[in-house]
N, C-alpha and C. Protein backbone atom coordinates (compact mmCIF):
# COMPACT_ATOMS: atom_id res chain seq x y z
N MET A 1 16.10 111.43 106.96
CA MET A 1 16.17 111.23 105.53
C MET A 1 17.11 112.29 104.96
N ALA A 2 18.00 111.84 104.11
CA ALA A 2 18.96 112.76 103.51
C ALA A 2 19.02 112.53 102.01
N GLU A 3 18.96 113.63 101.27
CA GLU A 3 19.05 113.55 99.81
C GLU A 3 20.45 113.91 99.37
N ASP A 4 20.98 113.10 98.47
CA ASP A 4 22.25 113.40 97.82
C ASP A 4 21.95 113.56 96.34
N ALA A 5 22.94 113.75 95.56
CA ALA A 5 22.75 113.90 94.11
C ALA A 5 22.12 112.65 93.52
N GLY A 6 20.83 112.71 93.27
CA GLY A 6 20.15 111.61 92.61
C GLY A 6 19.76 110.44 93.47
N SER A 7 19.90 110.55 94.79
CA SER A 7 19.50 109.44 95.67
C SER A 7 19.06 109.98 97.02
N VAL A 8 18.46 109.08 97.79
CA VAL A 8 18.02 109.44 99.13
C VAL A 8 18.42 108.32 100.08
N ARG A 9 18.84 108.70 101.29
CA ARG A 9 19.13 107.74 102.35
C ARG A 9 18.02 107.82 103.38
N VAL A 10 17.49 106.66 103.75
CA VAL A 10 16.35 106.61 104.66
C VAL A 10 16.69 105.71 105.84
N ASP A 11 16.45 106.22 107.05
CA ASP A 11 16.59 105.39 108.25
C ASP A 11 15.26 104.69 108.46
N VAL A 12 15.30 103.36 108.62
CA VAL A 12 14.08 102.59 108.80
C VAL A 12 14.16 101.74 110.05
N GLN A 13 12.99 101.43 110.57
CA GLN A 13 12.83 100.47 111.68
C GLN A 13 11.91 99.40 111.12
N VAL A 14 12.34 98.14 111.13
CA VAL A 14 11.52 97.09 110.56
C VAL A 14 10.88 96.23 111.64
N ALA A 15 9.70 95.72 111.33
CA ALA A 15 9.00 94.74 112.15
C ALA A 15 8.83 93.52 111.26
N VAL A 16 9.44 92.41 111.63
CA VAL A 16 9.44 91.23 110.77
C VAL A 16 8.28 90.29 111.12
N ARG A 17 8.07 89.32 110.24
CA ARG A 17 7.03 88.31 110.39
C ARG A 17 5.62 88.91 110.42
N ALA A 18 5.40 89.96 109.66
CA ALA A 18 4.08 90.59 109.58
C ALA A 18 3.23 89.82 108.57
N GLY A 19 1.94 90.05 108.59
CA GLY A 19 1.05 89.40 107.64
C GLY A 19 1.31 89.84 106.22
N ARG A 20 1.70 91.10 106.04
CA ARG A 20 2.06 91.63 104.72
C ARG A 20 3.03 92.78 104.92
N SER A 21 3.78 93.08 103.89
CA SER A 21 4.73 94.19 103.96
C SER A 21 3.99 95.50 103.72
N ALA A 22 4.26 96.49 104.57
CA ALA A 22 3.59 97.79 104.46
C ALA A 22 4.35 98.83 105.27
N VAL A 23 4.20 100.09 104.86
CA VAL A 23 4.72 101.20 105.65
C VAL A 23 3.70 101.48 106.74
N LEU A 24 4.16 101.51 108.00
CA LEU A 24 3.27 101.71 109.13
C LEU A 24 3.22 103.17 109.58
N GLY A 25 4.27 103.92 109.30
CA GLY A 25 4.32 105.32 109.73
C GLY A 25 5.74 105.71 110.04
N VAL A 26 5.87 106.69 110.94
CA VAL A 26 7.19 107.17 111.35
C VAL A 26 7.31 106.97 112.86
N LEU A 27 8.44 106.43 113.29
CA LEU A 27 8.69 106.17 114.70
C LEU A 27 10.07 106.71 115.04
N GLY A 28 10.11 107.74 115.87
CA GLY A 28 11.39 108.31 116.29
C GLY A 28 12.25 108.78 115.14
N GLY A 29 11.63 109.36 114.13
CA GLY A 29 12.38 109.86 112.98
C GLY A 29 12.74 108.81 111.96
N ARG A 30 12.33 107.57 112.19
CA ARG A 30 12.60 106.47 111.26
C ARG A 30 11.31 106.02 110.60
N LEU A 31 11.40 105.63 109.35
CA LEU A 31 10.27 105.08 108.64
C LEU A 31 10.04 103.66 109.17
N LYS A 32 8.86 103.39 109.72
CA LYS A 32 8.57 102.06 110.26
C LYS A 32 7.90 101.23 109.18
N ILE A 33 8.50 100.06 108.90
CA ILE A 33 8.02 99.19 107.84
C ILE A 33 7.82 97.78 108.38
N ALA A 34 6.63 97.23 108.16
CA ALA A 34 6.34 95.84 108.49
C ALA A 34 6.77 94.99 107.31
N LEU A 35 7.44 93.87 107.58
CA LEU A 35 7.92 92.99 106.52
C LEU A 35 7.34 91.59 106.68
N ALA A 36 6.84 91.04 105.60
CA ALA A 36 6.28 89.70 105.60
C ALA A 36 7.39 88.68 105.36
N ALA A 37 8.41 88.74 106.17
CA ALA A 37 9.54 87.81 106.05
C ALA A 37 10.17 87.66 107.43
N ALA A 38 10.79 86.52 107.65
CA ALA A 38 11.50 86.28 108.90
C ALA A 38 12.96 86.74 108.73
N PRO A 39 13.59 87.10 109.84
CA PRO A 39 14.99 87.55 109.76
C PRO A 39 15.96 86.36 109.70
N VAL A 40 15.79 85.53 108.68
CA VAL A 40 16.60 84.33 108.53
C VAL A 40 17.28 84.36 107.16
N ASP A 41 18.58 84.15 107.15
CA ASP A 41 19.36 84.09 105.91
C ASP A 41 19.15 85.29 105.00
N GLY A 42 18.97 86.47 105.58
CA GLY A 42 18.84 87.69 104.79
C GLY A 42 17.48 87.90 104.15
N ALA A 43 16.48 87.06 104.50
CA ALA A 43 15.16 87.16 103.87
C ALA A 43 14.49 88.50 104.17
N ALA A 44 14.64 89.00 105.38
CA ALA A 44 14.00 90.28 105.73
C ALA A 44 14.64 91.44 104.95
N ASN A 45 15.95 91.43 104.81
CA ASN A 45 16.62 92.48 104.02
C ASN A 45 16.20 92.40 102.56
N GLU A 46 16.09 91.20 102.04
CA GLU A 46 15.66 91.02 100.65
C GLU A 46 14.23 91.53 100.47
N GLU A 47 13.35 91.22 101.42
CA GLU A 47 11.97 91.70 101.34
C GLU A 47 11.91 93.22 101.45
N LEU A 48 12.74 93.81 102.31
CA LEU A 48 12.78 95.27 102.44
C LEU A 48 13.18 95.91 101.11
N VAL A 49 14.22 95.41 100.49
CA VAL A 49 14.68 95.95 99.20
C VAL A 49 13.59 95.79 98.14
N ASN A 50 13.00 94.59 98.07
CA ASN A 50 11.93 94.34 97.09
C ASN A 50 10.74 95.26 97.33
N PHE A 51 10.33 95.40 98.58
CA PHE A 51 9.18 96.23 98.91
C PHE A 51 9.41 97.69 98.53
N LEU A 52 10.55 98.25 98.91
CA LEU A 52 10.82 99.65 98.60
C LEU A 52 10.97 99.88 97.10
N ALA A 53 11.59 98.94 96.40
CA ALA A 53 11.73 99.07 94.95
C ALA A 53 10.35 99.09 94.28
N ARG A 54 9.47 98.18 94.69
CA ARG A 54 8.11 98.14 94.12
C ARG A 54 7.35 99.42 94.45
N ALA A 55 7.40 99.82 95.73
CA ALA A 55 6.63 100.97 96.19
C ALA A 55 7.06 102.27 95.50
N LEU A 56 8.34 102.38 95.17
CA LEU A 56 8.86 103.60 94.56
C LEU A 56 9.06 103.49 93.05
N GLY A 57 8.72 102.34 92.49
CA GLY A 57 8.88 102.16 91.05
C GLY A 57 10.32 102.18 90.58
N ARG A 58 11.21 101.65 91.40
CA ARG A 58 12.64 101.63 91.07
C ARG A 58 13.08 100.19 90.81
N PRO A 59 14.10 99.98 89.99
CA PRO A 59 14.65 98.63 89.83
C PRO A 59 15.36 98.20 91.12
N LEU A 60 15.45 96.90 91.32
CA LEU A 60 16.08 96.37 92.54
C LEU A 60 17.50 96.89 92.74
N ARG A 61 18.22 97.09 91.65
CA ARG A 61 19.62 97.53 91.78
C ARG A 61 19.73 98.93 92.38
N ASP A 62 18.64 99.70 92.39
CA ASP A 62 18.67 101.06 92.93
C ASP A 62 18.46 101.13 94.44
N VAL A 63 18.12 100.01 95.06
CA VAL A 63 17.84 100.00 96.50
C VAL A 63 18.86 99.10 97.19
N SER A 64 19.50 99.62 98.24
CA SER A 64 20.48 98.81 98.97
C SER A 64 20.48 99.16 100.45
N VAL A 65 20.77 98.16 101.27
CA VAL A 65 20.89 98.35 102.71
C VAL A 65 22.34 98.76 102.99
N LEU A 66 22.51 99.99 103.49
CA LEU A 66 23.85 100.51 103.76
C LEU A 66 24.36 100.09 105.13
N ARG A 67 23.47 100.16 106.13
CA ARG A 67 23.85 99.84 107.50
C ARG A 67 22.72 99.07 108.17
N GLY A 68 23.10 98.22 109.13
CA GLY A 68 22.11 97.53 109.94
C GLY A 68 21.56 96.26 109.33
N ALA A 69 22.33 95.58 108.51
CA ALA A 69 21.85 94.37 107.84
C ALA A 69 21.39 93.31 108.84
N ARG A 70 21.94 93.32 110.05
CA ARG A 70 21.56 92.33 111.05
C ARG A 70 20.78 92.97 112.22
N SER A 71 20.18 94.11 111.97
CA SER A 71 19.48 94.86 113.01
C SER A 71 18.08 95.25 112.53
N LYS A 72 17.23 95.60 113.47
CA LYS A 72 15.90 96.11 113.11
C LYS A 72 15.99 97.55 112.63
N ARG A 73 17.05 98.24 113.00
CA ARG A 73 17.28 99.62 112.55
C ARG A 73 18.28 99.60 111.42
N LYS A 74 17.87 100.14 110.28
CA LYS A 74 18.68 100.07 109.08
C LYS A 74 18.75 101.43 108.40
N THR A 75 19.75 101.61 107.57
CA THR A 75 19.82 102.76 106.68
C THR A 75 19.82 102.21 105.27
N VAL A 76 18.90 102.72 104.46
CA VAL A 76 18.72 102.24 103.09
C VAL A 76 19.00 103.38 102.12
N ALA A 77 19.69 103.09 101.04
CA ALA A 77 19.93 104.06 99.97
C ALA A 77 19.04 103.70 98.80
N ILE A 78 18.40 104.72 98.22
CA ILE A 78 17.52 104.52 97.08
C ILE A 78 17.94 105.51 95.99
N ALA A 79 18.55 104.98 94.93
CA ALA A 79 18.98 105.82 93.82
C ALA A 79 17.78 106.19 92.96
N GLY A 80 17.77 107.41 92.46
CA GLY A 80 16.71 107.86 91.57
C GLY A 80 15.42 108.23 92.26
N ALA A 81 15.41 108.26 93.60
CA ALA A 81 14.22 108.63 94.36
C ALA A 81 14.48 109.93 95.11
N THR A 82 13.40 110.59 95.52
CA THR A 82 13.53 111.80 96.31
C THR A 82 12.92 111.59 97.68
N ALA A 83 13.25 112.47 98.60
CA ALA A 83 12.68 112.41 99.95
C ALA A 83 11.17 112.58 99.90
N ALA A 84 10.68 113.41 98.99
CA ALA A 84 9.24 113.62 98.86
C ALA A 84 8.53 112.34 98.44
N GLN A 85 9.14 111.57 97.55
CA GLN A 85 8.54 110.31 97.12
C GLN A 85 8.48 109.32 98.28
N VAL A 86 9.53 109.28 99.10
CA VAL A 86 9.53 108.38 100.25
C VAL A 86 8.50 108.83 101.27
N ARG A 87 8.41 110.13 101.52
CA ARG A 87 7.42 110.63 102.47
C ARG A 87 5.99 110.32 102.01
N ALA A 88 5.78 110.27 100.72
CA ALA A 88 4.44 109.96 100.17
C ALA A 88 4.00 108.53 100.49
N LEU A 89 4.93 107.65 100.88
CA LEU A 89 4.58 106.28 101.24
C LEU A 89 3.93 106.19 102.62
N VAL A 90 4.13 107.20 103.45
CA VAL A 90 3.61 107.17 104.83
C VAL A 90 2.10 107.40 104.81
N PRO A 91 1.37 106.46 105.45
CA PRO A 91 -0.10 106.61 105.47
C PRO A 91 -0.55 107.77 106.31
């Protein structure tokens, strides 16, 4: 996780087709997130953005997938959030 001026970049590992979207913990330095969406037509990326925006109280425009759009390993940028807020999501 890296903080820049007013934003944070988070490395995530996603598990798709889960019963519900949730933060599962940390795996190999990456935030592990279960997503209730299939990796079809960008649905999993959309669910990831929606989930993180809701969880952190940010508008959708503040969350974006920077790298790994077609991979289970992604880097996400969240404007207006801090690393401490993201860490608070981990159970």
